[in-house]
Amino acid sequence: MPGDLQFSWELSGTGWATCRIADSASEQRHFVSYCTDALADLIHRVAGLYGPTSVQRISFDLEPAEVRWVLRGQDSDVGIAIYEFPDMSTSFDMADSEGKLVWRSKQPRALLSHAVVEAAQDVLRIHGEDGYRAKWVQHPFPAAALQDLRRLHMRDDSCELPHGVATS
């Protein structure tokens, strides 16, 4: 599978996660707040790429800033664009183009899905569901969403990478 995507999601303290996405050209790293159910939102939106809606948006609260990911399905590829906004409380009604484009890449959907599944499984393996809830506080681990994304990925993508299954 062509592509050079790297993705990680690490709980970096109570109520905070470090989200990193990179390709061979550049990377973005953000410190995401628990004010939204960020990991679940990401998993749901990536799973949405398997349905009829070709554009998916995810907003991460950086307190006070917002990082908005725009995922555009293009056949078996996904255009990923990340925009920054200075204040999440005022940016909800703003168009993507009103934000500052800070990262862009085009990747196979299979690779993006695989990377998100693996990162979420790593979080579950390291922390378990109870440990995740203790650190993320307001939201439980998105086990059902992860299972759904893994199912869609394995059903629809020709991914030859290993697919480990995390346990809590």
N, C-alpha and C. Protein backbone atom coordinates (compact mmCIF):
# COMPACT_ATOMS: atom_id res chain seq x y z
N MET A 1 0.85 -1.17 0.00
CA MET A 1 0.00 0.00 0.00
C MET A 1 0.90 1.23 0.00
N PRO A 2 0.81 2.07 -1.02
CA PRO A 2 1.65 3.27 -1.05
C PRO A 2 1.19 4.28 -0.01
N GLY A 3 2.07 5.19 0.34
CA GLY A 3 1.76 6.22 1.33
C GLY A 3 2.84 6.26 2.39
N ASP A 4 2.89 7.35 3.06
CA ASP A 4 3.95 7.54 4.04
C ASP A 4 3.41 8.18 5.31
N LEU A 5 2.20 7.81 5.69
CA LEU A 5 1.52 8.42 6.81
C LEU A 5 1.96 7.82 8.13
N GLN A 6 2.16 8.70 9.11
CA GLN A 6 2.41 8.29 10.48
C GLN A 6 1.40 9.02 11.35
N PHE A 7 0.80 8.31 12.30
CA PHE A 7 -0.19 8.91 13.17
C PHE A 7 -0.04 8.34 14.57
N SER A 8 -0.17 9.19 15.57
CA SER A 8 -0.18 8.70 16.95
C SER A 8 -1.12 9.55 17.79
N TRP A 9 -1.64 8.92 18.82
CA TRP A 9 -2.54 9.56 19.79
C TRP A 9 -2.08 9.07 21.15
N GLU A 10 -1.58 9.96 21.97
CA GLU A 10 -1.06 9.56 23.27
C GLU A 10 -1.69 10.42 24.36
N LEU A 11 -2.21 9.76 25.38
CA LEU A 11 -2.72 10.50 26.52
C LEU A 11 -1.51 11.08 27.25
N SER A 12 -1.48 12.40 27.35
CA SER A 12 -0.27 13.06 27.86
C SER A 12 -0.49 13.70 29.23
N GLY A 13 -1.59 13.42 29.84
CA GLY A 13 -1.91 13.96 31.15
C GLY A 13 -3.41 13.91 31.34
N THR A 14 -3.87 14.23 32.51
CA THR A 14 -5.30 14.21 32.76
C THR A 14 -5.97 15.28 31.90
N GLY A 15 -6.82 14.82 30.99
CA GLY A 15 -7.57 15.73 30.12
C GLY A 15 -6.82 16.21 28.90
N TRP A 16 -5.68 15.62 28.59
CA TRP A 16 -4.89 16.05 27.43
C TRP A 16 -4.36 14.86 26.65
N ALA A 17 -4.32 15.03 25.33
CA ALA A 17 -3.72 14.02 24.45
C ALA A 17 -2.81 14.73 23.46
N THR A 18 -1.75 14.06 23.09
CA THR A 18 -0.87 14.55 22.05
C THR A 18 -1.22 13.81 20.77
N CYS A 19 -1.63 14.57 19.77
CA CYS A 19 -2.00 14.02 18.47
C CYS A 19 -0.91 14.42 17.48
N ARG A 20 -0.34 13.43 16.81
CA ARG A 20 0.72 13.70 15.83
C ARG A 20 0.36 13.02 14.52
N ILE A 21 0.46 13.79 13.44
CA ILE A 21 0.27 13.24 12.10
C ILE A 21 1.41 13.76 11.24
N ALA A 22 1.97 12.87 10.41
CA ALA A 22 3.12 13.25 9.60
C ALA A 22 3.14 12.46 8.31
N ASP A 23 3.77 13.07 7.32
CA ASP A 23 4.11 12.36 6.09
C ASP A 23 5.57 12.68 5.81
N SER A 24 6.07 12.33 4.65
CA SER A 24 7.49 12.55 4.36
C SER A 24 7.85 14.02 4.24
N ALA A 25 6.86 14.89 4.06
CA ALA A 25 7.14 16.32 3.88
C ALA A 25 7.10 17.11 5.17
N SER A 26 6.17 16.80 6.08
CA SER A 26 6.03 17.60 7.29
C SER A 26 5.18 16.87 8.32
N GLU A 27 5.07 17.49 9.48
CA GLU A 27 4.25 16.91 10.54
C GLU A 27 3.51 18.00 11.29
N GLN A 28 2.44 17.59 11.96
CA GLN A 28 1.70 18.46 12.87
C GLN A 28 1.55 17.72 14.18
N ARG A 29 1.73 18.46 15.26
CA ARG A 29 1.55 17.90 16.60
C ARG A 29 0.69 18.90 17.36
N HIS A 30 -0.35 18.38 18.00
CA HIS A 30 -1.25 19.24 18.76
C HIS A 30 -1.54 18.62 20.12
N PHE A 31 -1.80 19.47 21.10
CA PHE A 31 -2.16 19.04 22.44
C PHE A 31 -3.66 19.27 22.59
N VAL A 32 -4.40 18.18 22.51
CA VAL A 32 -5.86 18.20 22.40
C VAL A 32 -6.49 18.05 23.78
N SER A 33 -7.52 18.86 24.02
CA SER A 33 -8.23 18.87 25.29
C SER A 33 -9.38 17.88 25.31
N TYR A 34 -9.73 17.46 26.51
CA TYR A 34 -10.86 16.55 26.72
C TYR A 34 -12.21 17.25 26.67
N CYS A 35 -12.25 18.53 26.34
CA CYS A 35 -13.52 19.26 26.26
C CYS A 35 -14.43 18.69 25.18
N THR A 36 -13.87 17.97 24.23
CA THR A 36 -14.67 17.23 23.26
C THR A 36 -14.24 15.77 23.35
N ASP A 37 -15.01 14.90 22.76
CA ASP A 37 -14.68 13.47 22.74
C ASP A 37 -13.81 13.22 21.51
N ALA A 38 -12.63 13.80 21.52
CA ALA A 38 -11.78 13.95 20.34
C ALA A 38 -11.43 12.63 19.65
N LEU A 39 -10.97 11.64 20.40
CA LEU A 39 -10.59 10.38 19.76
C LEU A 39 -11.81 9.70 19.15
N ALA A 40 -12.92 9.70 19.85
CA ALA A 40 -14.16 9.11 19.30
C ALA A 40 -14.59 9.87 18.05
N ASP A 41 -14.52 11.20 18.10
CA ASP A 41 -14.90 11.99 16.92
C ASP A 41 -14.03 11.63 15.72
N LEU A 42 -12.73 11.51 15.95
CA LEU A 42 -11.82 11.15 14.86
C LEU A 42 -12.17 9.78 14.28
N ILE A 43 -12.36 8.81 15.14
CA ILE A 43 -12.68 7.46 14.68
C ILE A 43 -13.99 7.45 13.88
N HIS A 44 -15.01 8.14 14.39
CA HIS A 44 -16.30 8.20 13.68
C HIS A 44 -16.16 8.86 12.31
N ARG A 45 -15.37 9.93 12.22
CA ARG A 45 -15.24 10.64 10.95
C ARG A 45 -14.44 9.83 9.93
N VAL A 46 -13.42 9.13 10.38
CA VAL A 46 -12.67 8.27 9.46
C VAL A 46 -13.59 7.14 8.99
N ALA A 47 -14.39 6.58 9.88
CA ALA A 47 -15.36 5.55 9.48
C ALA A 47 -16.37 6.13 8.48
N GLY A 48 -16.70 7.41 8.63
CA GLY A 48 -17.63 8.06 7.71
C GLY A 48 -17.13 8.10 6.29
N LEU A 49 -15.83 7.96 6.09
CA LEU A 49 -15.26 7.94 4.74
C LEU A 49 -15.68 6.70 3.95
N TYR A 50 -16.23 5.71 4.65
CA TYR A 50 -16.70 4.49 3.99
C TYR A 50 -18.15 4.61 3.54
N GLY A 51 -18.80 5.72 3.87
CA GLY A 51 -20.19 5.93 3.52
C GLY A 51 -20.34 6.89 2.37
N PRO A 52 -21.57 7.39 2.17
CA PRO A 52 -21.85 8.24 1.02
C PRO A 52 -21.33 9.67 1.15
N THR A 53 -21.00 10.12 2.35
CA THR A 53 -20.55 11.49 2.54
C THR A 53 -19.04 11.55 2.33
N SER A 54 -18.62 12.28 1.32
CA SER A 54 -17.20 12.29 0.96
C SER A 54 -16.36 13.27 1.77
N VAL A 55 -17.00 14.18 2.51
CA VAL A 55 -16.24 15.15 3.32
C VAL A 55 -16.61 14.96 4.78
N GLN A 56 -15.58 14.81 5.61
CA GLN A 56 -15.74 14.64 7.05
C GLN A 56 -14.90 15.71 7.75
N ARG A 57 -15.45 16.30 8.81
CA ARG A 57 -14.74 17.32 9.58
C ARG A 57 -14.65 16.92 11.04
N ILE A 58 -13.49 17.18 11.64
CA ILE A 58 -13.27 16.93 13.06
C ILE A 58 -12.65 18.18 13.65
N SER A 59 -13.21 18.63 14.76
CA SER A 59 -12.64 19.78 15.46
C SER A 59 -12.03 19.33 16.77
N PHE A 60 -10.79 19.71 16.99
CA PHE A 60 -10.10 19.43 18.24
C PHE A 60 -9.95 20.73 19.02
N ASP A 61 -10.32 20.69 20.29
CA ASP A 61 -10.22 21.85 21.16
C ASP A 61 -8.82 21.87 21.76
N LEU A 62 -8.10 22.98 21.51
CA LEU A 62 -6.76 23.14 22.07
C LEU A 62 -6.76 24.13 23.24
N GLU A 63 -7.93 24.60 23.59
CA GLU A 63 -8.12 25.55 24.70
C GLU A 63 -7.14 26.72 24.64
N PRO A 64 -7.40 27.78 23.98
CA PRO A 64 -8.69 28.14 23.40
C PRO A 64 -8.77 27.89 21.89
N ALA A 65 -7.67 27.56 21.27
CA ALA A 65 -7.65 27.42 19.81
C ALA A 65 -8.40 26.17 19.35
N GLU A 66 -8.68 26.13 18.06
CA GLU A 66 -9.29 24.97 17.42
C GLU A 66 -8.37 24.51 16.30
N VAL A 67 -8.26 23.20 16.16
CA VAL A 67 -7.65 22.60 14.98
C VAL A 67 -8.77 21.82 14.31
N ARG A 68 -9.00 22.09 13.05
CA ARG A 68 -10.06 21.42 12.30
C ARG A 68 -9.45 20.59 11.19
N TRP A 69 -9.74 19.30 11.22
CA TRP A 69 -9.31 18.41 10.16
C TRP A 69 -10.45 18.29 9.16
N VAL A 70 -10.12 18.41 7.89
CA VAL A 70 -11.09 18.20 6.82
C VAL A 70 -10.59 17.03 5.99
N LEU A 71 -11.39 15.98 5.97
CA LEU A 71 -11.05 14.76 5.23
C LEU A 71 -11.94 14.70 4.01
N ARG A 72 -11.32 14.66 2.82
CA ARG A 72 -12.08 14.60 1.57
C ARG A 72 -11.77 13.29 0.86
N GLY A 73 -12.77 12.41 0.83
CA GLY A 73 -12.62 11.15 0.12
C GLY A 73 -12.57 11.39 -1.38
N GLN A 74 -11.56 10.81 -2.02
CA GLN A 74 -11.37 10.93 -3.47
C GLN A 74 -11.03 9.55 -4.00
N ASP A 75 -12.04 8.81 -4.41
CA ASP A 75 -11.88 7.41 -4.79
C ASP A 75 -11.32 6.64 -3.59
N SER A 76 -10.17 6.01 -3.74
CA SER A 76 -9.60 5.25 -2.61
C SER A 76 -8.61 6.09 -1.81
N ASP A 77 -8.50 7.38 -2.10
CA ASP A 77 -7.60 8.28 -1.38
C ASP A 77 -8.38 9.26 -0.52
N VAL A 78 -7.66 9.89 0.40
CA VAL A 78 -8.25 10.90 1.26
C VAL A 78 -7.33 12.12 1.25
N GLY A 79 -7.90 13.26 0.92
CA GLY A 79 -7.18 14.51 1.08
C GLY A 79 -7.38 14.97 2.52
N ILE A 80 -6.28 15.21 3.21
CA ILE A 80 -6.33 15.63 4.61
C ILE A 80 -5.83 17.07 4.66
N ALA A 81 -6.65 17.96 5.18
CA ALA A 81 -6.24 19.35 5.36
C ALA A 81 -6.51 19.72 6.82
N ILE A 82 -5.53 20.37 7.45
CA ILE A 82 -5.68 20.79 8.84
C ILE A 82 -5.60 22.31 8.89
N TYR A 83 -6.64 22.88 9.52
CA TYR A 83 -6.74 24.33 9.66
C TYR A 83 -6.69 24.70 11.14
N GLU A 84 -6.04 25.80 11.45
CA GLU A 84 -6.02 26.33 12.81
C GLU A 84 -6.86 27.59 12.89
N PHE A 85 -7.57 27.72 14.00
CA PHE A 85 -8.36 28.89 14.32
C PHE A 85 -7.95 29.36 15.71
N PRO A 86 -7.88 30.67 15.94
CA PRO A 86 -7.37 31.15 17.22
C PRO A 86 -8.28 30.89 18.42
N ASP A 87 -9.59 30.75 18.21
CA ASP A 87 -10.50 30.61 19.34
C ASP A 87 -11.67 29.71 18.96
N MET A 88 -11.73 28.55 19.59
CA MET A 88 -12.77 27.58 19.26
C MET A 88 -14.16 28.12 19.55
N SER A 89 -14.29 28.99 20.53
CA SER A 89 -15.62 29.50 20.88
C SER A 89 -16.21 30.39 19.79
N THR A 90 -15.39 30.90 18.88
CA THR A 90 -15.89 31.76 17.81
C THR A 90 -15.73 31.16 16.42
N SER A 91 -15.09 30.01 16.30
CA SER A 91 -14.77 29.48 14.97
C SER A 91 -15.78 28.46 14.44
N PHE A 92 -16.75 28.05 15.24
CA PHE A 92 -17.69 27.02 14.79
C PHE A 92 -18.43 27.42 13.52
N ASP A 93 -18.76 28.67 13.37
CA ASP A 93 -19.50 29.12 12.19
C ASP A 93 -18.59 29.58 11.06
N MET A 94 -17.28 29.45 11.23
CA MET A 94 -16.35 29.93 10.23
C MET A 94 -16.09 28.85 9.18
N ALA A 95 -15.94 29.28 7.94
CA ALA A 95 -15.58 28.35 6.87
C ALA A 95 -14.16 27.85 7.07
N ASP A 96 -13.88 26.69 6.54
CA ASP A 96 -12.53 26.14 6.66
C ASP A 96 -11.49 27.15 6.16
N SER A 97 -11.80 27.80 5.05
CA SER A 97 -10.85 28.73 4.42
C SER A 97 -10.54 29.95 5.29
N GLU A 98 -11.34 30.20 6.32
CA GLU A 98 -11.07 31.31 7.22
C GLU A 98 -9.99 30.96 8.25
N GLY A 99 -9.68 29.68 8.35
CA GLY A 99 -8.60 29.24 9.23
C GLY A 99 -7.28 29.27 8.49
N LYS A 100 -6.23 29.04 9.22
CA LYS A 100 -4.89 28.99 8.63
C LYS A 100 -4.57 27.53 8.28
N LEU A 101 -4.34 27.26 7.00
CA LEU A 101 -3.97 25.91 6.57
C LEU A 101 -2.56 25.62 7.08
N VAL A 102 -2.44 24.59 7.93
CA VAL A 102 -1.13 24.30 8.53
C VAL A 102 -0.56 22.96 8.08
N TRP A 103 -1.38 22.12 7.45
CA TRP A 103 -0.87 20.82 7.00
C TRP A 103 -1.81 20.26 5.95
N ARG A 104 -1.22 19.62 4.95
CA ARG A 104 -2.02 19.00 3.90
C ARG A 104 -1.28 17.76 3.41
N SER A 105 -2.06 16.73 3.10
CA SER A 105 -1.49 15.51 2.57
C SER A 105 -2.59 14.74 1.86
N LYS A 106 -2.19 13.90 0.95
CA LYS A 106 -3.13 12.98 0.30
C LYS A 106 -2.61 11.58 0.57
N GLN A 107 -3.48 10.74 1.11
CA GLN A 107 -3.07 9.40 1.53
C GLN A 107 -4.15 8.39 1.12
N PRO A 108 -3.77 7.13 0.95
CA PRO A 108 -4.77 6.10 0.73
C PRO A 108 -5.70 6.00 1.95
N ARG A 109 -6.99 5.87 1.70
CA ARG A 109 -7.94 5.71 2.81
C ARG A 109 -7.55 4.53 3.68
N ALA A 110 -7.09 3.45 3.05
CA ALA A 110 -6.70 2.26 3.80
C ALA A 110 -5.58 2.59 4.79
N LEU A 111 -4.63 3.40 4.39
CA LEU A 111 -3.51 3.73 5.27
C LEU A 111 -3.96 4.65 6.41
N LEU A 112 -4.80 5.65 6.12
CA LEU A 112 -5.32 6.51 7.17
C LEU A 112 -6.13 5.69 8.18
N SER A 113 -7.02 4.86 7.69
CA SER A 113 -7.84 4.05 8.59
C SER A 113 -6.98 3.13 9.43
N HIS A 114 -6.03 2.48 8.81
CA HIS A 114 -5.15 1.57 9.53
C HIS A 114 -4.39 2.32 10.62
N ALA A 115 -3.86 3.49 10.28
CA ALA A 115 -3.08 4.27 11.25
C ALA A 115 -3.94 4.70 12.45
N VAL A 116 -5.18 5.12 12.20
CA VAL A 116 -6.07 5.53 13.29
C VAL A 116 -6.45 4.32 14.14
N VAL A 117 -6.76 3.20 13.51
CA VAL A 117 -7.08 1.98 14.26
C VAL A 117 -5.90 1.58 15.15
N GLU A 118 -4.72 1.55 14.58
CA GLU A 118 -3.53 1.15 15.35
C GLU A 118 -3.26 2.09 16.51
N ALA A 119 -3.39 3.40 16.28
CA ALA A 119 -3.15 4.37 17.35
C ALA A 119 -4.16 4.20 18.48
N ALA A 120 -5.43 4.01 18.13
CA ALA A 120 -6.46 3.82 19.15
C ALA A 120 -6.24 2.52 19.91
N GLN A 121 -5.87 1.46 19.20
CA GLN A 121 -5.58 0.18 19.86
C GLN A 121 -4.40 0.33 20.81
N ASP A 122 -3.39 1.12 20.43
CA ASP A 122 -2.25 1.36 21.32
C ASP A 122 -2.69 2.05 22.61
N VAL A 123 -3.57 3.05 22.48
CA VAL A 123 -4.09 3.74 23.66
C VAL A 123 -4.80 2.74 24.57
N LEU A 124 -5.64 1.90 23.98
CA LEU A 124 -6.37 0.90 24.77
C LEU A 124 -5.42 -0.10 25.40
N ARG A 125 -4.41 -0.54 24.67
CA ARG A 125 -3.45 -1.51 25.20
C ARG A 125 -2.68 -0.92 26.38
N ILE A 126 -2.28 0.34 26.27
CA ILE A 126 -1.49 0.99 27.31
C ILE A 126 -2.31 1.31 28.55
N HIS A 127 -3.52 1.83 28.35
CA HIS A 127 -4.30 2.36 29.48
C HIS A 127 -5.48 1.50 29.90
N GLY A 128 -6.00 0.66 28.98
CA GLY A 128 -7.24 -0.05 29.27
C GLY A 128 -8.40 0.93 29.30
N GLU A 129 -9.61 0.41 29.33
CA GLU A 129 -10.77 1.29 29.33
C GLU A 129 -10.87 2.12 30.60
N ASP A 130 -10.57 1.51 31.75
CA ASP A 130 -10.64 2.25 33.01
C ASP A 130 -9.57 3.33 33.09
N GLY A 131 -8.37 3.00 32.66
CA GLY A 131 -7.28 3.98 32.67
C GLY A 131 -7.54 5.13 31.71
N TYR A 132 -8.13 4.81 30.56
CA TYR A 132 -8.49 5.85 29.60
C TYR A 132 -9.49 6.80 30.23
N ARG A 133 -10.52 6.25 30.86
CA ARG A 133 -11.56 7.08 31.48
C ARG A 133 -10.97 7.94 32.60
N ALA A 134 -10.04 7.38 33.35
CA ALA A 134 -9.40 8.14 34.43
C ALA A 134 -8.62 9.33 33.88
N LYS A 135 -7.97 9.15 32.72
CA LYS A 135 -7.18 10.24 32.15
C LYS A 135 -8.03 11.18 31.28
N TRP A 136 -9.00 10.63 30.55
CA TRP A 136 -9.80 11.46 29.63
C TRP A 136 -11.02 12.05 30.35
N VAL A 137 -11.33 11.57 31.50
CA VAL A 137 -12.29 12.07 32.47
C VAL A 137 -13.74 12.10 31.96
N GLN A 138 -14.06 12.91 30.99
CA GLN A 138 -15.46 13.13 30.61
C GLN A 138 -16.02 12.11 29.63
N HIS A 139 -15.16 11.30 29.03
CA HIS A 139 -15.63 10.39 27.98
C HIS A 139 -14.98 9.02 28.13
N PRO A 140 -15.76 7.94 27.91
CA PRO A 140 -15.18 6.60 27.94
C PRO A 140 -14.40 6.31 26.66
N PHE A 141 -13.61 5.27 26.69
CA PHE A 141 -12.89 4.85 25.49
C PHE A 141 -13.91 4.46 24.42
N PRO A 142 -13.71 4.89 23.17
CA PRO A 142 -14.69 4.62 22.10
C PRO A 142 -14.54 3.22 21.50
N ALA A 143 -14.79 2.21 22.32
CA ALA A 143 -14.57 0.82 21.90
C ALA A 143 -15.46 0.42 20.73
N ALA A 144 -16.74 0.76 20.78
CA ALA A 144 -17.65 0.37 19.70
C ALA A 144 -17.29 1.08 18.39
N ALA A 145 -16.92 2.35 18.47
CA ALA A 145 -16.52 3.09 17.27
C ALA A 145 -15.25 2.49 16.67
N LEU A 146 -14.30 2.12 17.52
CA LEU A 146 -13.07 1.50 17.04
C LEU A 146 -13.37 0.16 16.37
N GLN A 147 -14.22 -0.62 16.97
CA GLN A 147 -14.58 -1.91 16.39
C GLN A 147 -15.25 -1.71 15.02
N ASP A 148 -16.10 -0.69 14.91
CA ASP A 148 -16.77 -0.42 13.64
C ASP A 148 -15.77 0.01 12.57
N LEU A 149 -14.86 0.92 12.91
CA LEU A 149 -13.85 1.35 11.94
C LEU A 149 -12.98 0.18 11.51
N ARG A 150 -12.55 -0.65 12.44
CA ARG A 150 -11.73 -1.81 12.10
C ARG A 150 -12.49 -2.72 11.14
N ARG A 151 -13.79 -2.95 11.41
CA ARG A 151 -14.60 -3.81 10.54
C ARG A 151 -14.70 -3.24 9.13
N LEU A 152 -14.99 -1.93 9.01
CA LEU A 152 -15.09 -1.29 7.70
C LEU A 152 -13.76 -1.36 6.95
N HIS A 153 -12.69 -1.08 7.66
CA HIS A 153 -11.36 -1.09 7.05
C HIS A 153 -11.02 -2.49 6.52
N MET A 154 -11.25 -3.50 7.33
CA MET A 154 -10.89 -4.85 6.91
C MET A 154 -11.83 -5.37 5.82
N ARG A 155 -13.05 -4.88 5.80
CA ARG A 155 -14.01 -5.30 4.77
C ARG A 155 -13.74 -4.65 3.42
N ASP A 156 -13.42 -3.34 3.43
CA ASP A 156 -13.40 -2.57 2.19
C ASP A 156 -12.01 -2.23 1.64
N ASP A 157 -10.99 -2.36 2.45
CA ASP A 157 -9.65 -1.96 2.01
C ASP A 157 -8.78 -3.19 1.77
N SER A 158 -7.95 -3.09 0.78
CA SER A 158 -6.98 -4.15 0.52
C SER A 158 -5.72 -3.83 1.31
N CYS A 159 -5.82 -3.97 2.61
CA CYS A 159 -4.69 -3.63 3.49
C CYS A 159 -3.95 -4.91 3.86
N GLU A 160 -2.66 -4.91 3.56
CA GLU A 160 -1.85 -6.09 3.84
C GLU A 160 -1.03 -5.94 5.12
N LEU A 161 -1.27 -4.84 5.86
CA LEU A 161 -0.57 -4.64 7.12
C LEU A 161 -1.19 -5.51 8.20
N PRO A 162 -0.42 -5.86 9.24
CA PRO A 162 -0.99 -6.68 10.33
C PRO A 162 -2.07 -5.90 11.07
N HIS A 163 -3.06 -6.63 11.56
CA HIS A 163 -4.19 -6.02 12.27
C HIS A 163 -4.32 -6.66 13.65
N GLY A 164 -3.54 -6.18 14.57
CA GLY A 164 -3.63 -6.67 15.94
C GLY A 164 -4.92 -6.19 16.56
N VAL A 165 -5.36 -6.89 17.56
CA VAL A 165 -6.57 -6.50 18.29
C VAL A 165 -6.17 -6.23 19.73
N ALA A 166 -6.47 -5.02 20.18
CA ALA A 166 -6.13 -4.61 21.53
C ALA A 166 -7.11 -5.22 22.52
N THR A 167 -6.64 -5.40 23.71
CA THR A 167 -7.52 -5.86 24.79
C THR A 167 -7.49 -4.82 25.89
N SER A 168 -8.57 -4.78 26.63
CA SER A 168 -8.61 -3.84 27.75
C SER A 168 -8.26 -4.61 28.97
